[in-house]
Amino acid sequence: MSRQSVLLFVLLSGCVTGGTRTYVEGGLSPRHFHFYEVVSREDDEAAGGWRSACLEVGIERANTGELFYCTFGVEVPIATTEQGEIPVYRAQSLCASCANQAAKTTLSTVTPTTPIGIACEEFKTLYELTLRNVIDGARVPKRCRQGIPPVRLTPPPRR
């Protein structure tokens, strides 16, 4: 089978295959999620408060060099009624894990003709669904919250 499409996507490690071969490299880690408190939680509240992060994840189609930055926000509660307080390190770990899972699922359907921007939008939709399953009320806004600086991740140079 010949290589039909290669994407360098910072979100996922491994190789996914389908009708075409799409190789995906990279991975988000918890340290990529720089959370800022945007709504304070009162000490006596069982639930409340919000943290927000912004990411710009580079996607490169290696056979053409096309580079697209998939930008999205990540917003998680500081505490929920069901889950209690969610420490920053736990939120970062869950957000990274869910992002990588959503990327793997989304990118397994990418073909050489799939517009990268469409793959980005599909990823964001699936990422929010995945993240909400592990953190009650979590959101993945299509745009970052104003004032939150983005963490930009660029694919490594090809060897």
C-alpha atoms as a PDB file:
ATOM      1  CA  MET A   1       0.000   0.000   0.000  1.00  0.00           C
ATOM      2  CA  SER A   2       1.521   3.362  -0.971  1.00  0.00           C
ATOM      3  CA  ARG A   3       1.517   6.399   1.271  1.00  0.00           C
ATOM      4  CA  GLN A   4      -1.466   8.486   0.174  1.00  0.00           C
ATOM      5  CA  SER A   5      -1.597  11.115   2.888  1.00  0.00           C
ATOM      6  CA  VAL A   6       0.610  12.171   5.752  1.00  0.00           C
ATOM      7  CA  LEU A   7      -0.555  14.642   8.381  1.00  0.00           C
ATOM      8  CA  LEU A   8       1.535  15.978  11.183  1.00  0.00           C
ATOM      9  CA  PHE A   9      -1.037  16.738  13.810  1.00  0.00           C
ATOM     10  CA  VAL A  10       0.212  17.747  17.187  1.00  0.00           C
ATOM     11  CA  LEU A  11      -2.646  15.964  18.946  1.00  0.00           C
ATOM     12  CA  LEU A  12      -1.977  12.284  18.454  1.00  0.00           C
ATOM     13  CA  SER A  13       0.722   9.650  18.571  1.00  0.00           C
ATOM     14  CA  GLY A  14       0.538   6.560  16.441  1.00  0.00           C
ATOM     15  CA  CYS A  15      -0.718   5.476  13.072  1.00  0.00           C
ATOM     16  CA  VAL A  16      -4.299   5.193  11.953  1.00  0.00           C
ATOM     17  CA  THR A  17      -5.342   3.417   8.820  1.00  0.00           C
ATOM     18  CA  GLY A  18      -8.486   3.047   6.812  1.00  0.00           C
ATOM     19  CA  GLY A  19      -9.210   3.124   3.087  1.00  0.00           C
ATOM     20  CA  THR A  20      -6.205   5.419   2.814  1.00  0.00           C
ATOM     21  CA  ARG A  21      -3.155   5.554   4.991  1.00  0.00           C
ATOM     22  CA  THR A  22      -2.897   8.562   7.226  1.00  0.00           C
ATOM     23  CA  TYR A  23       0.106   8.854   9.482  1.00  0.00           C
ATOM     24  CA  VAL A  24      -0.292  11.090  12.497  1.00  0.00           C
ATOM     25  CA  GLU A  25       2.523  12.255  14.742  1.00  0.00           C
ATOM     26  CA  GLY A  26       2.726  14.251  17.953  1.00  0.00           C
ATOM     27  CA  GLY A  27       0.636  14.503  21.082  1.00  0.00           C
ATOM     28  CA  LEU A  28      -0.856  16.951  23.535  1.00  0.00           C
ATOM     29  CA  SER A  29       0.289  16.621  27.095  1.00  0.00           C
ATOM     30  CA  PRO A  30      -1.134  18.111  30.286  1.00  0.00           C
ATOM     31  CA  ARG A  31       1.522  20.860  30.262  1.00  0.00           C
ATOM     32  CA  HIS A  32      -0.005  22.319  27.081  1.00  0.00           C
ATOM     33  CA  PHE A  33      -3.154  23.343  28.971  1.00  0.00           C
ATOM     34  CA  HIS A  34      -2.347  26.685  30.626  1.00  0.00           C
ATOM     35  CA  PHE A  35      -5.500  27.343  32.596  1.00  0.00           C
ATOM     36  CA  TYR A  36      -6.500  30.799  33.799  1.00  0.00           C
ATOM     37  CA  GLU A  37      -9.216  31.350  36.379  1.00  0.00           C
ATOM     38  CA  VAL A  38     -11.980  33.330  34.684  1.00  0.00           C
ATOM     39  CA  VAL A  39     -14.703  32.964  37.337  1.00  0.00           C
ATOM     40  CA  SER A  40     -13.718  32.661  40.987  1.00  0.00           C
ATOM     41  CA  ARG A  41     -15.115  29.976  43.218  1.00  0.00           C
ATOM     42  CA  GLU A  42     -16.313  31.056  46.632  1.00  0.00           C
ATOM     43  CA  ASP A  43     -14.786  28.949  49.414  1.00  0.00           C
ATOM     44  CA  ASP A  44     -18.108  27.755  50.777  1.00  0.00           C
ATOM     45  CA  GLU A  45     -19.604  26.798  47.384  1.00  0.00           C
ATOM     46  CA  ALA A  46     -19.966  23.108  46.600  1.00  0.00           C
ATOM     47  CA  ALA A  47     -19.758  23.951  42.899  1.00  0.00           C
ATOM     48  CA  GLY A  48     -18.584  26.959  40.977  1.00  0.00           C
ATOM     49  CA  GLY A  49     -15.750  28.783  39.309  1.00  0.00           C
ATOM     50  CA  TRP A  50     -14.281  28.326  35.844  1.00  0.00           C
ATOM     51  CA  ARG A  51     -10.873  27.899  34.242  1.00  0.00           C
ATOM     52  CA  SER A  52     -10.100  28.560  30.611  1.00  0.00           C
ATOM     53  CA  ALA A  53      -7.215  27.670  28.271  1.00  0.00           C
ATOM     54  CA  CYS A  54      -6.531  28.421  24.609  1.00  0.00           C
ATOM     55  CA  LEU A  55      -4.639  26.214  22.163  1.00  0.00           C
ATOM     56  CA  GLU A  56      -3.469  26.681  18.580  1.00  0.00           C
ATOM     57  CA  VAL A  57      -2.562  23.240  17.302  1.00  0.00           C
ATOM     58  CA  GLY A  58      -0.680  22.986  14.025  1.00  0.00           C
ATOM     59  CA  ILE A  59      -1.820  20.486  11.437  1.00  0.00           C
ATOM     60  CA  GLU A  60       0.485  19.945   8.471  1.00  0.00           C
ATOM     61  CA  ARG A  61      -0.209  17.928   5.368  1.00  0.00           C
ATOM     62  CA  ALA A  62       3.305  16.604   4.818  1.00  0.00           C
ATOM     63  CA  ASN A  63       2.931  15.785   1.124  1.00  0.00           C
ATOM     64  CA  THR A  64       2.017  19.416   0.285  1.00  0.00           C
ATOM     65  CA  GLY A  65       3.433  21.340   3.254  1.00  0.00           C
ATOM     66  CA  GLU A  66      -0.001  22.892   3.895  1.00  0.00           C
ATOM     67  CA  LEU A  67      -0.074  24.126   7.510  1.00  0.00           C
ATOM     68  CA  PHE A  68      -3.256  25.025   9.360  1.00  0.00           C
ATOM     69  CA  TYR A  69      -3.630  26.068  12.994  1.00  0.00           C
ATOM     70  CA  CYS A  70      -6.683  24.578  14.677  1.00  0.00           C
ATOM     71  CA  THR A  71      -7.567  27.099  17.398  1.00  0.00           C
ATOM     72  CA  PHE A  72      -9.925  26.274  20.228  1.00  0.00           C
ATOM     73  CA  GLY A  73     -10.704  27.090  23.814  1.00  0.00           C
ATOM     74  CA  VAL A  74     -11.065  24.655  26.682  1.00  0.00           C
ATOM     75  CA  GLU A  75     -13.204  25.627  29.659  1.00  0.00           C
ATOM     76  CA  VAL A  76     -13.638  23.513  32.778  1.00  0.00           C
ATOM     77  CA  PRO A  77     -15.348  24.103  36.112  1.00  0.00           C
ATOM     78  CA  ILE A  78     -13.187  24.464  39.207  1.00  0.00           C
ATOM     79  CA  ALA A  79     -15.709  22.372  41.157  1.00  0.00           C
ATOM     80  CA  THR A  80     -18.937  20.560  40.367  1.00  0.00           C
ATOM     81  CA  THR A  81     -21.642  19.211  42.632  1.00  0.00           C
ATOM     82  CA  GLU A  82     -21.033  15.624  41.499  1.00  0.00           C
ATOM     83  CA  GLN A  83     -17.246  15.639  41.118  1.00  0.00           C
ATOM     84  CA  GLY A  84     -16.259  18.110  43.804  1.00  0.00           C
ATOM     85  CA  GLU A  85     -13.118  20.186  43.339  1.00  0.00           C
ATOM     86  CA  ILE A  86     -11.143  19.455  40.165  1.00  0.00           C
ATOM     87  CA  PRO A  87      -7.491  20.376  40.770  1.00  0.00           C
ATOM     88  CA  VAL A  88      -5.628  22.025  37.884  1.00  0.00           C
ATOM     89  CA  TYR A  89      -3.312  19.034  37.363  1.00  0.00           C
ATOM     90  CA  ARG A  90      -6.346  16.718  37.082  1.00  0.00           C
ATOM     91  CA  ALA A  91      -8.130  19.026  34.642  1.00  0.00           C
ATOM     92  CA  GLN A  92      -4.959  19.253  32.523  1.00  0.00           C
ATOM     93  CA  SER A  93      -4.546  15.484  32.434  1.00  0.00           C
ATOM     94  CA  LEU A  94      -8.175  14.818  31.528  1.00  0.00           C
ATOM     95  CA  CYS A  95      -8.181  17.539  28.857  1.00  0.00           C
ATOM     96  CA  ALA A  96      -5.044  16.148  27.201  1.00  0.00           C
ATOM     97  CA  SER A  97      -6.314  12.574  27.268  1.00  0.00           C
ATOM     98  CA  CYS A  98      -9.695  13.510  25.795  1.00  0.00           C
ATOM     99  CA  ALA A  99      -8.080  15.689  23.104  1.00  0.00           C
ATOM    100  CA  ASN A 100      -5.830  12.841  21.990  1.00  0.00           C
ATOM    101  CA  GLN A 101      -8.752  10.418  21.932  1.00  0.00           C
ATOM    102  CA  ALA A 102     -10.894  12.822  19.883  1.00  0.00           C
ATOM    103  CA  ALA A 103      -8.016  13.477  17.481  1.00  0.00           C
ATOM    104  CA  LYS A 104      -7.434   9.774  16.931  1.00  0.00           C
ATOM    105  CA  THR A 105     -11.090   9.216  16.108  1.00  0.00           C
ATOM    106  CA  THR A 106     -11.390  12.306  13.900  1.00  0.00           C
ATOM    107  CA  LEU A 107      -8.164  11.814  11.986  1.00  0.00           C
ATOM    108  CA  SER A 108      -8.852   8.183  11.211  1.00  0.00           C
ATOM    109  CA  THR A 109     -11.324   9.458   8.608  1.00  0.00           C
ATOM    110  CA  VAL A 110      -9.061  12.091   7.008  1.00  0.00           C
ATOM    111  CA  THR A 111      -8.224  11.503   3.353  1.00  0.00           C
ATOM    112  CA  PRO A 112      -5.827  13.349   1.032  1.00  0.00           C
ATOM    113  CA  THR A 113      -8.754  15.475  -0.155  1.00  0.00           C
ATOM    114  CA  THR A 114     -10.250  16.307   3.259  1.00  0.00           C
ATOM    115  CA  PRO A 115      -9.859  20.035   3.935  1.00  0.00           C
ATOM    116  CA  ILE A 116      -7.814  20.429   7.104  1.00  0.00           C
ATOM    117  CA  GLY A 117     -10.155  23.159   8.388  1.00  0.00           C
ATOM    118  CA  ILE A 118     -13.080  20.744   8.245  1.00  0.00           C
ATOM    119  CA  ALA A 119     -11.080  18.105  10.125  1.00  0.00           C
ATOM    120  CA  CYS A 120     -10.356  20.772  12.768  1.00  0.00           C
ATOM    121  CA  GLU A 121     -14.054  21.599  13.212  1.00  0.00           C
ATOM    122  CA  GLU A 122     -14.967  17.911  13.445  1.00  0.00           C
ATOM    123  CA  PHE A 123     -12.233  17.442  16.059  1.00  0.00           C
ATOM    124  CA  LYS A 124     -13.568  20.327  18.192  1.00  0.00           C
ATOM    125  CA  THR A 125     -17.097  18.918  18.138  1.00  0.00           C
ATOM    126  CA  LEU A 126     -15.972  15.426  19.118  1.00  0.00           C
ATOM    127  CA  TYR A 127     -13.514  16.790  21.693  1.00  0.00           C
ATOM    128  CA  GLU A 128     -16.303  18.623  23.520  1.00  0.00           C
ATOM    129  CA  LEU A 129     -18.497  15.502  23.571  1.00  0.00           C
ATOM    130  CA  THR A 130     -15.587  13.408  24.855  1.00  0.00           C
ATOM    131  CA  LEU A 131     -14.535  15.944  27.498  1.00  0.00           C
ATOM    132  CA  ARG A 132     -18.092  16.425  28.794  1.00  0.00           C
ATOM    133  CA  ASN A 133     -18.226  12.704  29.513  1.00  0.00           C
ATOM    134  CA  VAL A 134     -15.422  13.052  32.063  1.00  0.00           C
ATOM    135  CA  ILE A 135     -15.847  16.616  33.392  1.00  0.00           C
ATOM    136  CA  ASP A 136     -19.412  17.751  34.014  1.00  0.00           C
ATOM    137  CA  GLY A 137     -20.133  20.974  32.143  1.00  0.00           C
ATOM    138  CA  ALA A 138     -16.768  21.224  30.343  1.00  0.00           C
ATOM    139  CA  ARG A 139     -16.824  23.183  27.081  1.00  0.00           C
ATOM    140  CA  VAL A 140     -14.689  23.441  23.955  1.00  0.00           C
ATOM    141  CA  PRO A 141     -15.594  26.811  22.448  1.00  0.00           C
ATOM    142  CA  LYS A 142     -14.826  27.300  18.768  1.00  0.00           C
ATOM    143  CA  ARG A 143     -12.947  30.475  19.740  1.00  0.00           C
ATOM    144  CA  CYS A 144     -10.781  31.225  22.730  1.00  0.00           C
ATOM    145  CA  ARG A 145     -12.020  33.436  25.525  1.00  0.00           C
ATOM    146  CA  GLN A 146     -10.839  37.014  25.086  1.00  0.00           C
ATOM    147  CA  GLY A 147      -7.675  37.739  27.068  1.00  0.00           C
ATOM    148  CA  ILE A 148      -6.519  34.121  27.342  1.00  0.00           C
ATOM    149  CA  PRO A 149      -3.138  33.778  25.593  1.00  0.00           C
ATOM    150  CA  PRO A 150      -2.919  30.793  23.246  1.00  0.00           C
ATOM    151  CA  VAL A 151      -0.411  27.989  23.575  1.00  0.00           C
ATOM    152  CA  ARG A 152       0.836  27.420  20.026  1.00  0.00           C
ATOM    153  CA  LEU A 153       1.991  23.957  19.061  1.00  0.00           C
ATOM    154  CA  THR A 154       3.782  23.561  15.753  1.00  0.00           C
ATOM    155  CA  PRO A 155       4.487  20.188  14.142  1.00  0.00           C
ATOM    156  CA  PRO A 156       8.153  19.209  14.295  1.00  0.00           C
ATOM    157  CA  PRO A 157      10.199  19.435  11.089  1.00  0.00           C
ATOM    158  CA  ARG A 158      10.014  16.341   8.876  1.00  0.00           C
ATOM    159  CA  ARG A 159      13.061  14.091   8.904  1.00  0.00           C
END
